[in-house]
Amino acid sequence: MQIKLTPAASSQLELIADIPSVETGFLLGRHIGKFIIIENLFPIAFNRENIRDIYGTIFSQPDMGPRLVGVFFNRVPPFHSDWFIEDVMIHIGHPQPGYFSYSFEKKWVQMPGITPEKNI
């Protein structure tokens, strides 16, 4: 599986990386063959205690739920949640973000060989 960022998502990622007050949010996009296309980073505050309610609300939205591919963490450590199983997670950091998948074993697995591209 390869991750690709649209130009808009790439710009959002760069902006979020520079804003310390944006700590968490959702990744919206789509699965196309062997690619996960991230189209939008949607900042929204969540934590271990409220992720069930917030993830469920986002997932139930007709315009967002089908496009939900994962979450991002900026300047805060990622945490484990059953809501993230099979999701993509971006841990935004300098100089390069880390891209992970959340496995059924409840572990963050780094996605090897991922090179997000801006040219979609």
PDB file of N, CA and C in Angstrom:
ATOM      1  N   MET A   1       0.845  -1.168   0.000  1.00  0.00           N
ATOM      2  CA  MET A   1       0.000   0.000   0.000  1.00  0.00           C
ATOM      3  C   MET A   1       0.896   1.238   0.000  1.00  0.00           C
ATOM      4  N   GLN A   2       0.602   2.172  -0.861  1.00  0.00           N
ATOM      5  CA  GLN A   2       1.368   3.416  -0.948  1.00  0.00           C
ATOM      6  C   GLN A   2       0.467   4.595  -0.628  1.00  0.00           C
ATOM      7  N   ILE A   3       1.027   5.560   0.080  1.00  0.00           N
ATOM      8  CA  ILE A   3       0.289   6.765   0.421  1.00  0.00           C
ATOM      9  C   ILE A   3       0.708   7.887  -0.511  1.00  0.00           C
ATOM     10  N   LYS A   4      -0.264   8.590  -1.018  1.00  0.00           N
ATOM     11  CA  LYS A   4      -0.012   9.768  -1.837  1.00  0.00           C
ATOM     12  C   LYS A   4      -0.853  10.913  -1.287  1.00  0.00           C
ATOM     13  N   LEU A   5      -0.282  12.094  -1.277  1.00  0.00           N
ATOM     14  CA  LEU A   5      -0.984  13.289  -0.819  1.00  0.00           C
ATOM     15  C   LEU A   5      -1.336  14.153  -2.012  1.00  0.00           C
ATOM     16  N   THR A   6      -2.552  14.656  -2.046  1.00  0.00           N
ATOM     17  CA  THR A   6      -2.893  15.636  -3.071  1.00  0.00           C
ATOM     18  C   THR A   6      -2.116  16.918  -2.746  1.00  0.00           C
ATOM     19  N   PRO A   7      -1.994  17.822  -3.700  1.00  0.00           N
ATOM     20  CA  PRO A   7      -1.315  19.092  -3.393  1.00  0.00           C
ATOM     21  C   PRO A   7      -1.954  19.830  -2.217  1.00  0.00           C
ATOM     22  N   ALA A   8      -3.283  19.820  -2.133  1.00  0.00           N
ATOM     23  CA  ALA A   8      -3.966  20.497  -1.016  1.00  0.00           C
ATOM     24  C   ALA A   8      -3.608  19.840   0.313  1.00  0.00           C
ATOM     25  N   ALA A   9      -3.614  18.513   0.362  1.00  0.00           N
ATOM     26  CA  ALA A   9      -3.282  17.806   1.601  1.00  0.00           C
ATOM     27  C   ALA A   9      -1.827  18.035   1.985  1.00  0.00           C
ATOM     28  N   SER A  10      -0.953  18.080   1.020  1.00  0.00           N
ATOM     29  CA  SER A  10       0.454  18.339   1.296  1.00  0.00           C
ATOM     30  C   SER A  10       0.643  19.729   1.908  1.00  0.00           C
ATOM     31  N   SER A  11      -0.054  20.706   1.365  1.00  0.00           N
ATOM     32  CA  SER A  11       0.009  22.070   1.922  1.00  0.00           C
ATOM     33  C   SER A  11      -0.557  22.110   3.334  1.00  0.00           C
ATOM     34  N   GLN A  12      -1.656  21.391   3.560  1.00  0.00           N
ATOM     35  CA  GLN A  12      -2.253  21.350   4.894  1.00  0.00           C
ATOM     36  C   GLN A  12      -1.292  20.710   5.895  1.00  0.00           C
ATOM     37  N   LEU A  13      -0.633  19.630   5.482  1.00  0.00           N
ATOM     38  CA  LEU A  13       0.307  18.952   6.356  1.00  0.00           C
ATOM     39  C   LEU A  13       1.446  19.893   6.754  1.00  0.00           C
ATOM     40  N   GLU A  14       1.983  20.630   5.796  1.00  0.00           N
ATOM     41  CA  GLU A  14       3.061  21.578   6.084  1.00  0.00           C
ATOM     42  C   GLU A  14       2.596  22.673   7.043  1.00  0.00           C
ATOM     43  N   LEU A  15       1.391  23.166   6.837  1.00  0.00           N
ATOM     44  CA  LEU A  15       0.852  24.215   7.708  1.00  0.00           C
ATOM     45  C   LEU A  15       0.619  23.687   9.120  1.00  0.00           C
ATOM     46  N   ILE A  16       0.005  22.524   9.235  1.00  0.00           N
ATOM     47  CA  ILE A  16      -0.280  21.934  10.547  1.00  0.00           C
ATOM     48  C   ILE A  16       1.013  21.671  11.307  1.00  0.00           C
ATOM     49  N   ALA A  17       2.057  21.245  10.596  1.00  0.00           N
ATOM     50  CA  ALA A  17       3.346  20.987  11.245  1.00  0.00           C
ATOM     51  C   ALA A  17       3.900  22.238  11.912  1.00  0.00           C
ATOM     52  N   ASP A  18       3.551  23.400  11.398  1.00  0.00           N
ATOM     53  CA  ASP A  18       4.047  24.672  11.941  1.00  0.00           C
ATOM     54  C   ASP A  18       3.146  25.276  13.016  1.00  0.00           C
ATOM     55  N   ILE A  19       1.996  24.661  13.262  1.00  0.00           N
ATOM     56  CA  ILE A  19       1.035  25.218  14.221  1.00  0.00           C
ATOM     57  C   ILE A  19       0.958  24.307  15.445  1.00  0.00           C
ATOM     58  N   PRO A  20       1.574  24.693  16.544  1.00  0.00           N
ATOM     59  CA  PRO A  20       1.596  23.811  17.713  1.00  0.00           C
ATOM     60  C   PRO A  20       0.234  23.572  18.354  1.00  0.00           C
ATOM     61  N   SER A  21      -0.733  24.440  18.135  1.00  0.00           N
ATOM     62  CA  SER A  21      -2.037  24.265  18.775  1.00  0.00           C
ATOM     63  C   SER A  21      -2.892  23.196  18.098  1.00  0.00           C
ATOM     64  N   VAL A  22      -2.554  22.803  16.875  1.00  0.00           N
ATOM     65  CA  VAL A  22      -3.281  21.730  16.192  1.00  0.00           C
ATOM     66  C   VAL A  22      -2.552  20.427  16.499  1.00  0.00           C
ATOM     67  N   GLU A  23      -3.147  19.607  17.372  1.00  0.00           N
ATOM     68  CA  GLU A  23      -2.469  18.399  17.819  1.00  0.00           C
ATOM     69  C   GLU A  23      -2.993  17.114  17.196  1.00  0.00           C
ATOM     70  N   THR A  24      -4.276  17.077  16.834  1.00  0.00           N
ATOM     71  CA  THR A  24      -4.863  15.848  16.302  1.00  0.00           C
ATOM     72  C   THR A  24      -5.875  16.182  15.216  1.00  0.00           C
ATOM     73  N   GLY A  25      -6.242  15.159  14.465  1.00  0.00           N
ATOM     74  CA  GLY A  25      -7.260  15.340  13.443  1.00  0.00           C
ATOM     75  C   GLY A  25      -7.427  14.074  12.622  1.00  0.00           C
ATOM     76  N   PHE A  26      -8.230  14.181  11.596  1.00  0.00           N
ATOM     77  CA  PHE A  26      -8.579  13.043  10.761  1.00  0.00           C
ATOM     78  C   PHE A  26      -8.026  13.210   9.348  1.00  0.00           C
ATOM     79  N   LEU A  27      -7.774  12.077   8.707  1.00  0.00           N
ATOM     80  CA  LEU A  27      -7.317  12.047   7.323  1.00  0.00           C
ATOM     81  C   LEU A  27      -8.486  11.613   6.455  1.00  0.00           C
ATOM     82  N   LEU A  28      -8.807  12.427   5.470  1.00  0.00           N
ATOM     83  CA  LEU A  28      -9.892  12.103   4.550  1.00  0.00           C
ATOM     84  C   LEU A  28      -9.296  11.830   3.186  1.00  0.00           C
ATOM     85  N   GLY A  29      -9.785  10.824   2.531  1.00  0.00           N
ATOM     86  CA  GLY A  29      -9.269  10.458   1.220  1.00  0.00           C
ATOM     87  C   GLY A  29     -10.011   9.265   0.664  1.00  0.00           C
ATOM     88  N   ARG A  30      -9.268   8.436  -0.045  1.00  0.00           N
ATOM     89  CA  ARG A  30      -9.879   7.245  -0.648  1.00  0.00           C
ATOM     90  C   ARG A  30      -8.825   6.201  -0.938  1.00  0.00           C
ATOM     91  N   HIS A  31      -9.300   4.957  -1.021  1.00  0.00           N
ATOM     92  CA  HIS A  31      -8.458   3.839  -1.417  1.00  0.00           C
ATOM     93  C   HIS A  31      -8.679   3.619  -2.907  1.00  0.00           C
ATOM     94  N   ILE A  32      -7.598   3.616  -3.659  1.00  0.00           N
ATOM     95  CA  ILE A  32      -7.678   3.353  -5.098  1.00  0.00           C
ATOM     96  C   ILE A  32      -6.598   2.325  -5.418  1.00  0.00           C
ATOM     97  N   GLY A  33      -7.015   1.097  -5.623  1.00  0.00           N
ATOM     98  CA  GLY A  33      -6.056   0.034  -5.899  1.00  0.00           C
ATOM     99  C   GLY A  33      -5.055  -0.107  -4.773  1.00  0.00           C
ATOM    100  N   LYS A  34      -3.772  -0.020  -5.112  1.00  0.00           N
ATOM    101  CA  LYS A  34      -2.723  -0.154  -4.095  1.00  0.00           C
ATOM    102  C   LYS A  34      -2.356   1.176  -3.456  1.00  0.00           C
ATOM    103  N   PHE A  35      -3.136   2.215  -3.708  1.00  0.00           N
ATOM    104  CA  PHE A  35      -2.844   3.545  -3.194  1.00  0.00           C
ATOM    105  C   PHE A  35      -3.886   3.989  -2.179  1.00  0.00           C
ATOM    106  N   ILE A  36      -3.423   4.753  -1.199  1.00  0.00           N
ATOM    107  CA  ILE A  36      -4.310   5.512  -0.328  1.00  0.00           C
ATOM    108  C   ILE A  36      -4.026   6.967  -0.665  1.00  0.00           C
ATOM    109  N   ILE A  37      -5.028   7.633  -1.200  1.00  0.00           N
ATOM    110  CA  ILE A  37      -4.896   9.036  -1.578  1.00  0.00           C
ATOM    111  C   ILE A  37      -5.452   9.879  -0.435  1.00  0.00           C
ATOM    112  N   ILE A  38      -4.596  10.666   0.189  1.00  0.00           N
ATOM    113  CA  ILE A  38      -5.049  11.569   1.249  1.00  0.00           C
ATOM    114  C   ILE A  38      -5.345  12.912   0.597  1.00  0.00           C
ATOM    115  N   GLU A  39      -6.610  13.316   0.704  1.00  0.00           N
ATOM    116  CA  GLU A  39      -7.083  14.537   0.057  1.00  0.00           C
ATOM    117  C   GLU A  39      -7.194  15.716   1.010  1.00  0.00           C
ATOM    118  N   ASN A  40      -7.354  15.425   2.311  1.00  0.00           N
ATOM    119  CA  ASN A  40      -7.633  16.500   3.254  1.00  0.00           C
ATOM    120  C   ASN A  40      -7.213  16.079   4.654  1.00  0.00           C
ATOM    121  N   LEU A  41      -6.619  16.999   5.393  1.00  0.00           N
ATOM    122  CA  LEU A  41      -6.355  16.809   6.812  1.00  0.00           C
ATOM    123  C   LEU A  41      -7.357  17.681   7.550  1.00  0.00           C
ATOM    124  N   PHE A  42      -8.179  17.056   8.371  1.00  0.00           N
ATOM    125  CA  PHE A  42      -9.278  17.735   9.055  1.00  0.00           C
ATOM    126  C   PHE A  42      -8.944  17.843  10.538  1.00  0.00           C
ATOM    127  N   PRO A  43      -8.424  18.991  10.985  1.00  0.00           N
ATOM    128  CA  PRO A  43      -8.053  19.139  12.396  1.00  0.00           C
ATOM    129  C   PRO A  43      -9.274  19.105  13.300  1.00  0.00           C
ATOM    130  N   ILE A  44      -9.204  18.263  14.297  1.00  0.00           N
ATOM    131  CA  ILE A  44     -10.233  18.213  15.331  1.00  0.00           C
ATOM    132  C   ILE A  44      -9.589  17.600  16.577  1.00  0.00           C
ATOM    133  N   ALA A  45      -9.826  18.223  17.699  1.00  0.00           N
ATOM    134  CA  ALA A  45      -9.197  17.768  18.940  1.00  0.00           C
ATOM    135  C   ALA A  45      -9.876  16.497  19.449  1.00  0.00           C
ATOM    136  N   PHE A  46      -9.048  15.482  19.703  1.00  0.00           N
ATOM    137  CA  PHE A  46      -9.534  14.269  20.360  1.00  0.00           C
ATOM    138  C   PHE A  46      -8.421  13.740  21.253  1.00  0.00           C
ATOM    139  N   ASN A  47      -8.825  12.893  22.183  1.00  0.00           N
ATOM    140  CA  ASN A  47      -7.860  12.253  23.065  1.00  0.00           C
ATOM    141  C   ASN A  47      -8.347  10.850  23.381  1.00  0.00           C
ATOM    142  N   ARG A  48      -7.611  10.180  24.223  1.00  0.00           N
ATOM    143  CA  ARG A  48      -7.925   8.790  24.577  1.00  0.00           C
ATOM    144  C   ARG A  48      -9.327   8.649  25.179  1.00  0.00           C
ATOM    145  N   GLU A  49      -9.748   9.644  25.907  1.00  0.00           N
ATOM    146  CA  GLU A  49     -11.033   9.554  26.605  1.00  0.00           C
ATOM    147  C   GLU A  49     -12.239   9.823  25.698  1.00  0.00           C
ATOM    148  N   ASN A  50     -12.086  10.680  24.701  1.00  0.00           N
ATOM    149  CA  ASN A  50     -13.261  11.039  23.890  1.00  0.00           C
ATOM    150  C   ASN A  50     -13.211  10.514  22.451  1.00  0.00           C
ATOM    151  N   ILE A  51     -12.197   9.705  22.107  1.00  0.00           N
ATOM    152  CA  ILE A  51     -12.071   9.256  20.714  1.00  0.00           C
ATOM    153  C   ILE A  51     -13.283   8.446  20.259  1.00  0.00           C
ATOM    154  N   ARG A  52     -13.878   7.683  21.142  1.00  0.00           N
ATOM    155  CA  ARG A  52     -15.045   6.875  20.758  1.00  0.00           C
ATOM    156  C   ARG A  52     -16.172   7.764  20.227  1.00  0.00           C
ATOM    157  N   ASP A  53     -16.491   8.808  20.950  1.00  0.00           N
ATOM    158  CA  ASP A  53     -17.577   9.697  20.540  1.00  0.00           C
ATOM    159  C   ASP A  53     -17.219  10.486  19.286  1.00  0.00           C
ATOM    160  N   ILE A  54     -16.007  11.012  19.237  1.00  0.00           N
ATOM    161  CA  ILE A  54     -15.621  11.855  18.102  1.00  0.00           C
ATOM    162  C   ILE A  54     -15.444  11.029  16.834  1.00  0.00           C
ATOM    163  N   TYR A  55     -14.758   9.895  16.922  1.00  0.00           N
ATOM    164  CA  TYR A  55     -14.573   9.052  15.742  1.00  0.00           C
ATOM    165  C   TYR A  55     -15.931   8.577  15.228  1.00  0.00           C
ATOM    166  N   GLY A  56     -16.796   8.162  16.149  1.00  0.00           N
ATOM    167  CA  GLY A  56     -18.127   7.712  15.751  1.00  0.00           C
ATOM    168  C   GLY A  56     -18.930   8.799  15.063  1.00  0.00           C
ATOM    169  N   THR A  57     -18.825  10.026  15.551  1.00  0.00           N
ATOM    170  CA  THR A  57     -19.531  11.158  14.935  1.00  0.00           C
ATOM    171  C   THR A  57     -19.009  11.428  13.527  1.00  0.00           C
ATOM    172  N   ILE A  58     -17.693  11.475  13.365  1.00  0.00           N
ATOM    173  CA  ILE A  58     -17.099  11.721  12.049  1.00  0.00           C
ATOM    174  C   ILE A  58     -17.470  10.592  11.090  1.00  0.00           C
ATOM    175  N   PHE A  59     -17.368   9.339  11.561  1.00  0.00           N
ATOM    176  CA  PHE A  59     -17.656   8.190  10.713  1.00  0.00           C
ATOM    177  C   PHE A  59     -19.113   8.161  10.255  1.00  0.00           C
ATOM    178  N   SER A  60     -20.019   8.657  11.079  1.00  0.00           N
ATOM    179  CA  SER A  60     -21.446   8.613  10.733  1.00  0.00           C
ATOM    180  C   SER A  60     -21.875   9.736   9.792  1.00  0.00           C
ATOM    181  N   GLN A  61     -21.016  10.709   9.543  1.00  0.00           N
ATOM    182  CA  GLN A  61     -21.360  11.801   8.628  1.00  0.00           C
ATOM    183  C   GLN A  61     -21.326  11.296   7.184  1.00  0.00           C
ATOM    184  N   PRO A  62     -22.393  11.472   6.406  1.00  0.00           N
ATOM    185  CA  PRO A  62     -22.431  10.919   5.048  1.00  0.00           C
ATOM    186  C   PRO A  62     -21.354  11.480   4.125  1.00  0.00           C
ATOM    187  N   ASP A  63     -20.927  12.717   4.348  1.00  0.00           N
ATOM    188  CA  ASP A  63     -19.911  13.285   3.464  1.00  0.00           C
ATOM    189  C   ASP A  63     -18.492  13.011   3.960  1.00  0.00           C
ATOM    190  N   MET A  64     -18.325  12.537   5.187  1.00  0.00           N
ATOM    191  CA  MET A  64     -16.994  12.291   5.726  1.00  0.00           C
ATOM    192  C   MET A  64     -16.717  10.815   5.999  1.00  0.00           C
ATOM    193  N   GLY A  65     -17.672  10.105   6.525  1.00  0.00           N
ATOM    194  CA  GLY A  65     -17.479   8.700   6.910  1.00  0.00           C
ATOM    195  C   GLY A  65     -16.869   7.831   5.829  1.00  0.00           C
ATOM    196  N   PRO A  66     -17.411   7.853   4.604  1.00  0.00           N
ATOM    197  CA  PRO A  66     -16.837   7.014   3.554  1.00  0.00           C
ATOM    198  C   PRO A  66     -15.416   7.423   3.139  1.00  0.00           C
ATOM    199  N   ARG A  67     -15.019   8.643   3.463  1.00  0.00           N
ATOM    200  CA  ARG A  67     -13.696   9.147   3.064  1.00  0.00           C
ATOM    201  C   ARG A  67     -12.678   9.078   4.201  1.00  0.00           C
ATOM    202  N   LEU A  68     -13.082   8.615   5.379  1.00  0.00           N
ATOM    203  CA  LEU A  68     -12.202   8.549   6.541  1.00  0.00           C
ATOM    204  C   LEU A  68     -11.177   7.429   6.355  1.00  0.00           C
ATOM    205  N   VAL A  69      -9.898   7.793   6.263  1.00  0.00           N
ATOM    206  CA  VAL A  69      -8.846   6.790   6.083  1.00  0.00           C
ATOM    207  C   VAL A  69      -7.896   6.720   7.276  1.00  0.00           C
ATOM    208  N   GLY A  70      -7.995   7.671   8.210  1.00  0.00           N
ATOM    209  CA  GLY A  70      -7.112   7.603   9.354  1.00  0.00           C
ATOM    210  C   GLY A  70      -7.084   8.875  10.174  1.00  0.00           C
ATOM    211  N   VAL A  71      -5.997   9.004  10.954  1.00  0.00           N
ATOM    212  CA  VAL A  71      -5.842  10.119  11.889  1.00  0.00           C
ATOM    213  C   VAL A  71      -4.428  10.677  11.787  1.00  0.00           C
ATOM    214  N   PHE A  72      -4.254  11.877  12.332  1.00  0.00           N
ATOM    215  CA  PHE A  72      -2.903  12.410  12.458  1.00  0.00           C
ATOM    216  C   PHE A  72      -2.690  12.925  13.869  1.00  0.00           C
ATOM    217  N   PHE A  73      -1.423  12.902  14.278  1.00  0.00           N
ATOM    218  CA  PHE A  73      -0.989  13.441  15.560  1.00  0.00           C
ATOM    219  C   PHE A  73       0.136  14.423  15.277  1.00  0.00           C
ATOM    220  N   ASN A  74       0.053  15.610  15.840  1.00  0.00           N
ATOM    221  CA  ASN A  74       1.055  16.647  15.641  1.00  0.00           C
ATOM    222  C   ASN A  74       1.583  17.082  17.001  1.00  0.00           C
ATOM    223  N   ARG A  75       2.862  16.843  17.230  1.00  0.00           N
ATOM    224  CA  ARG A  75       3.536  17.271  18.467  1.00  0.00           C
ATOM    225  C   ARG A  75       3.027  16.572  19.722  1.00  0.00           C
ATOM    226  N   VAL A  76       2.229  15.543  19.569  1.00  0.00           N
ATOM    227  CA  VAL A  76       1.778  14.740  20.703  1.00  0.00           C
ATOM    228  C   VAL A  76       1.993  13.267  20.347  1.00  0.00           C
ATOM    229  N   PRO A  77       2.262  12.430  21.343  1.00  0.00           N
ATOM    230  CA  PRO A  77       2.471  11.009  21.025  1.00  0.00           C
ATOM    231  C   PRO A  77       1.164  10.338  20.628  1.00  0.00           C
ATOM    232  N   PRO A  78       1.211   9.493  19.617  1.00  0.00           N
ATOM    233  CA  PRO A  78       0.016   8.726  19.233  1.00  0.00           C
ATOM    234  C   PRO A  78      -0.378   7.769  20.360  1.00  0.00           C
ATOM    235  N   PHE A  79      -1.650   7.466  20.441  1.00  0.00           N
ATOM    236  CA  PHE A  79      -2.119   6.498  21.424  1.00  0.00           C
ATOM    237  C   PHE A  79      -2.853   5.377  20.697  1.00  0.00           C
ATOM    238  N   HIS A  80      -3.074   4.282  21.409  1.00  0.00           N
ATOM    239  CA  HIS A  80      -3.750   3.118  20.841  1.00  0.00           C
ATOM    240  C   HIS A  80      -5.256   3.219  21.054  1.00  0.00           C
ATOM    241  N   SER A  81      -6.005   2.776  20.048  1.00  0.00           N
ATOM    242  CA  SER A  81      -7.463   2.718  20.155  1.00  0.00           C
ATOM    243  C   SER A  81      -7.989   1.715  19.133  1.00  0.00           C
ATOM    244  N   ASP A  82      -8.981   0.941  19.530  1.00  0.00           N
ATOM    245  CA  ASP A  82      -9.606   0.002  18.586  1.00  0.00           C
ATOM    246  C   ASP A  82     -10.222   0.738  17.394  1.00  0.00           C
ATOM    247  N   TRP A  83     -10.537   1.993  17.565  1.00  0.00           N
ATOM    248  CA  TRP A  83     -11.124   2.775  16.472  1.00  0.00           C
ATOM    249  C   TRP A  83     -10.128   2.960  15.328  1.00  0.00           C
ATOM    250  N   PHE A  84      -8.846   2.808  15.573  1.00  0.00           N
ATOM    251  CA  PHE A  84      -7.826   3.054  14.562  1.00  0.00           C
ATOM    252  C   PHE A  84      -7.442   1.806  13.764  1.00  0.00           C
ATOM    253  N   ILE A  85      -7.976   0.637  14.099  1.00  0.00           N
ATOM    254  CA  ILE A  85      -7.566  -0.598  13.422  1.00  0.00           C
ATOM    255  C   ILE A  85      -7.760  -0.454  11.913  1.00  0.00           C
ATOM    256  N   GLU A  86      -6.697  -0.772  11.190  1.00  0.00           N
ATOM    257  CA  GLU A  86      -6.592  -0.693   9.727  1.00  0.00           C
ATOM    258  C   GLU A  86      -6.563   0.738   9.204  1.00  0.00           C
ATOM    259  N   ASP A  87      -6.440   1.710  10.077  1.00  0.00           N
ATOM    260  CA  ASP A  87      -6.327   3.111   9.665  1.00  0.00           C
ATOM    261  C   ASP A  87      -4.878   3.469   9.375  1.00  0.00           C
ATOM    262  N   VAL A  88      -4.724   4.533   8.624  1.00  0.00           N
ATOM    263  CA  VAL A  88      -3.423   5.156   8.418  1.00  0.00           C
ATOM    264  C   VAL A  88      -3.258   6.209   9.514  1.00  0.00           C
ATOM    265  N   MET A  89      -2.032   6.372   9.990  1.00  0.00           N
ATOM    266  CA  MET A  89      -1.753   7.415  10.956  1.00  0.00           C
ATOM    267  C   MET A  89      -0.523   8.160  10.473  1.00  0.00           C
ATOM    268  N   ILE A  90      -0.606   9.472  10.501  1.00  0.00           N
ATOM    269  CA  ILE A  90       0.557  10.300  10.220  1.00  0.00           C
ATOM    270  C   ILE A  90       0.985  10.933  11.538  1.00  0.00           C
ATOM    271  N   HIS A  91       2.233  10.689  11.897  1.00  0.00           N
ATOM    272  CA  HIS A  91       2.807  11.361  13.059  1.00  0.00           C
ATOM    273  C   HIS A  91       3.638  12.501  12.502  1.00  0.00           C
ATOM    274  N   ILE A  92       3.082  13.691  12.580  1.00  0.00           N
ATOM    275  CA  ILE A  92       3.712  14.863  11.971  1.00  0.00           C
ATOM    276  C   ILE A  92       4.874  15.301  12.840  1.00  0.00           C
ATOM    277  N   GLY A  93       6.004  15.447  12.221  1.00  0.00           N
ATOM    278  CA  GLY A  93       7.188  15.884  12.943  1.00  0.00           C
ATOM    279  C   GLY A  93       8.228  16.382  11.960  1.00  0.00           C
ATOM    280  N   HIS A  94       9.211  17.032  12.495  1.00  0.00           N
ATOM    281  CA  HIS A  94      10.272  17.553  11.643  1.00  0.00           C
ATOM    282  C   HIS A  94      11.452  16.600  11.692  1.00  0.00           C
ATOM    283  N   PRO A  95      12.163  16.363  10.642  1.00  0.00           N
ATOM    284  CA  PRO A  95      11.983  17.016   9.353  1.00  0.00           C
ATOM    285  C   PRO A  95      10.967  16.304   8.458  1.00  0.00           C
ATOM    286  N   GLN A  96      10.642  15.044   8.761  1.00  0.00           N
ATOM    287  CA  GLN A  96       9.780  14.269   7.871  1.00  0.00           C
ATOM    288  C   GLN A  96       8.702  13.580   8.698  1.00  0.00           C
ATOM    289  N   PRO A  97       7.439  13.617   8.238  1.00  0.00           N
ATOM    290  CA  PRO A  97       6.388  12.910   8.970  1.00  0.00           C
ATOM    291  C   PRO A  97       6.575  11.394   8.880  1.00  0.00           C
ATOM    292  N   GLY A  98       6.085  10.678   9.902  1.00  0.00           N
ATOM    293  CA  GLY A  98       6.088   9.220   9.881  1.00  0.00           C
ATOM    294  C   GLY A  98       4.713   8.716   9.485  1.00  0.00           C
ATOM    295  N   TYR A  99       4.682   7.681   8.655  1.00  0.00           N
ATOM    296  CA  TYR A  99       3.433   7.107   8.164  1.00  0.00           C
ATOM    297  C   TYR A  99       3.312   5.688   8.714  1.00  0.00           C
ATOM    298  N   PHE A 100       2.170   5.405   9.341  1.00  0.00           N
ATOM    299  CA  PHE A 100       1.983   4.132  10.011  1.00  0.00           C
ATOM    300  C   PHE A 100       0.606   3.565   9.685  1.00  0.00           C
ATOM    301  N   SER A 101       0.470   2.278   9.943  1.00  0.00           N
ATOM    302  CA  SER A 101      -0.824   1.610   9.871  1.00  0.00           C
ATOM    303  C   SER A 101      -1.056   0.983  11.238  1.00  0.00           C
ATOM    304  N   TYR A 102      -2.304   0.960  11.672  1.00  0.00           N
ATOM    305  CA  TYR A 102      -2.624   0.386  12.976  1.00  0.00           C
ATOM    306  C   TYR A 102      -3.110  -1.036  12.758  1.00  0.00           C
ATOM    307  N   SER A 103      -2.379  -1.999  13.303  1.00  0.00           N
ATOM    308  CA  SER A 103      -2.654  -3.412  13.035  1.00  0.00           C
ATOM    309  C   SER A 103      -3.684  -3.989  14.004  1.00  0.00           C
ATOM    310  N   PHE A 104      -4.172  -5.185  13.664  1.00  0.00           N
ATOM    311  CA  PHE A 104      -5.106  -5.883  14.541  1.00  0.00           C
ATOM    312  C   PHE A 104      -4.448  -6.248  15.870  1.00  0.00           C
ATOM    313  N   GLU A 105      -3.119  -6.310  15.882  1.00  0.00           N
ATOM    314  CA  GLU A 105      -2.380  -6.596  17.112  1.00  0.00           C
ATOM    315  C   GLU A 105      -2.255  -5.353  17.987  1.00  0.00           C
ATOM    316  N   LYS A 106      -2.923  -4.286  17.580  1.00  0.00           N
ATOM    317  CA  LYS A 106      -2.934  -3.013  18.312  1.00  0.00           C
ATOM    318  C   LYS A 106      -1.539  -2.413  18.402  1.00  0.00           C
ATOM    319  N   LYS A 107      -0.865  -2.396  17.271  1.00  0.00           N
ATOM    320  CA  LYS A 107       0.461  -1.806  17.180  1.00  0.00           C
ATOM    321  C   LYS A 107       0.505  -0.865  15.991  1.00  0.00           C
ATOM    322  N   TRP A 108       1.302   0.202  16.137  1.00  0.00           N
ATOM    323  CA  TRP A 108       1.567   1.078  15.000  1.00  0.00           C
ATOM    324  C   TRP A 108       2.697   0.440  14.208  1.00  0.00           C
ATOM    325  N   VAL A 109       2.451   0.157  12.942  1.00  0.00           N
ATOM    326  CA  VAL A 109       3.438  -0.473  12.078  1.00  0.00           C
ATOM    327  C   VAL A 109       3.860   0.554  11.041  1.00  0.00           C
ATOM    328  N   GLN A 110       5.156   0.882  11.043  1.00  0.00           N
ATOM    329  CA  GLN A 110       5.630   1.862  10.065  1.00  0.00           C
ATOM    330  C   GLN A 110       5.460   1.287   8.677  1.00  0.00           C
ATOM    331  N   MET A 111       4.966   2.123   7.777  1.00  0.00           N
ATOM    332  CA  MET A 111       4.740   1.695   6.411  1.00  0.00           C
ATOM    333  C   MET A 111       6.057   1.892   5.655  1.00  0.00           C
ATOM    334  N   PRO A 112       6.734   0.792   5.319  1.00  0.00           N
ATOM    335  CA  PRO A 112       8.058   0.899   4.698  1.00  0.00           C
ATOM    336  C   PRO A 112       7.969   1.378   3.261  1.00  0.00           C
ATOM    337  N   GLY A 113       8.969   2.131   2.902  1.00  0.00           N
ATOM    338  CA  GLY A 113       9.080   2.575   1.507  1.00  0.00           C
ATOM    339  C   GLY A 113       8.045   3.569   1.062  1.00  0.00           C
ATOM    340  N   ILE A 114       7.371   4.217   1.991  1.00  0.00           N
ATOM    341  CA  ILE A 114       6.343   5.193   1.640  1.00  0.00           C
ATOM    342  C   ILE A 114       7.011   6.508   1.289  1.00  0.00           C
ATOM    343  N   THR A 115       6.670   7.023   0.135  1.00  0.00           N
ATOM    344  CA  THR A 115       7.151   8.348  -0.257  1.00  0.00           C
ATOM    345  C   THR A 115       5.951   9.139  -0.744  1.00  0.00           C
ATOM    346  N   PRO A 116       5.287   9.863   0.146  1.00  0.00           N
ATOM    347  CA  PRO A 116       4.146  10.654  -0.295  1.00  0.00           C
ATOM    348  C   PRO A 116       4.568  11.652  -1.363  1.00  0.00           C
ATOM    349  N   GLU A 117       3.748  11.789  -2.360  1.00  0.00           N
ATOM    350  CA  GLU A 117       4.057  12.674  -3.474  1.00  0.00           C
ATOM    351  C   GLU A 117       3.035  13.780  -3.552  1.00  0.00           C
ATOM    352  N   LYS A 118       3.481  14.925  -4.006  1.00  0.00           N
ATOM    353  CA  LYS A 118       2.579  16.079  -4.146  1.00  0.00           C
ATOM    354  C   LYS A 118       1.940  16.135  -5.525  1.00  0.00           C
ATOM    355  N   ASN A 119       2.357  15.287  -6.418  1.00  0.00           N
ATOM    356  CA  ASN A 119       1.955  15.434  -7.816  1.00  0.00           C
ATOM    357  C   ASN A 119       0.809  14.512  -8.205  1.00  0.00           C
ATOM    358  N   ILE A 120      -0.300  14.651  -7.559  1.00  0.00           N
ATOM    359  CA  ILE A 120      -1.451  13.813  -7.910  1.00  0.00           C
ATOM    360  C   ILE A 120      -2.397  14.618  -8.775  1.00  0.00           C
TER     361      ILE A 120
END
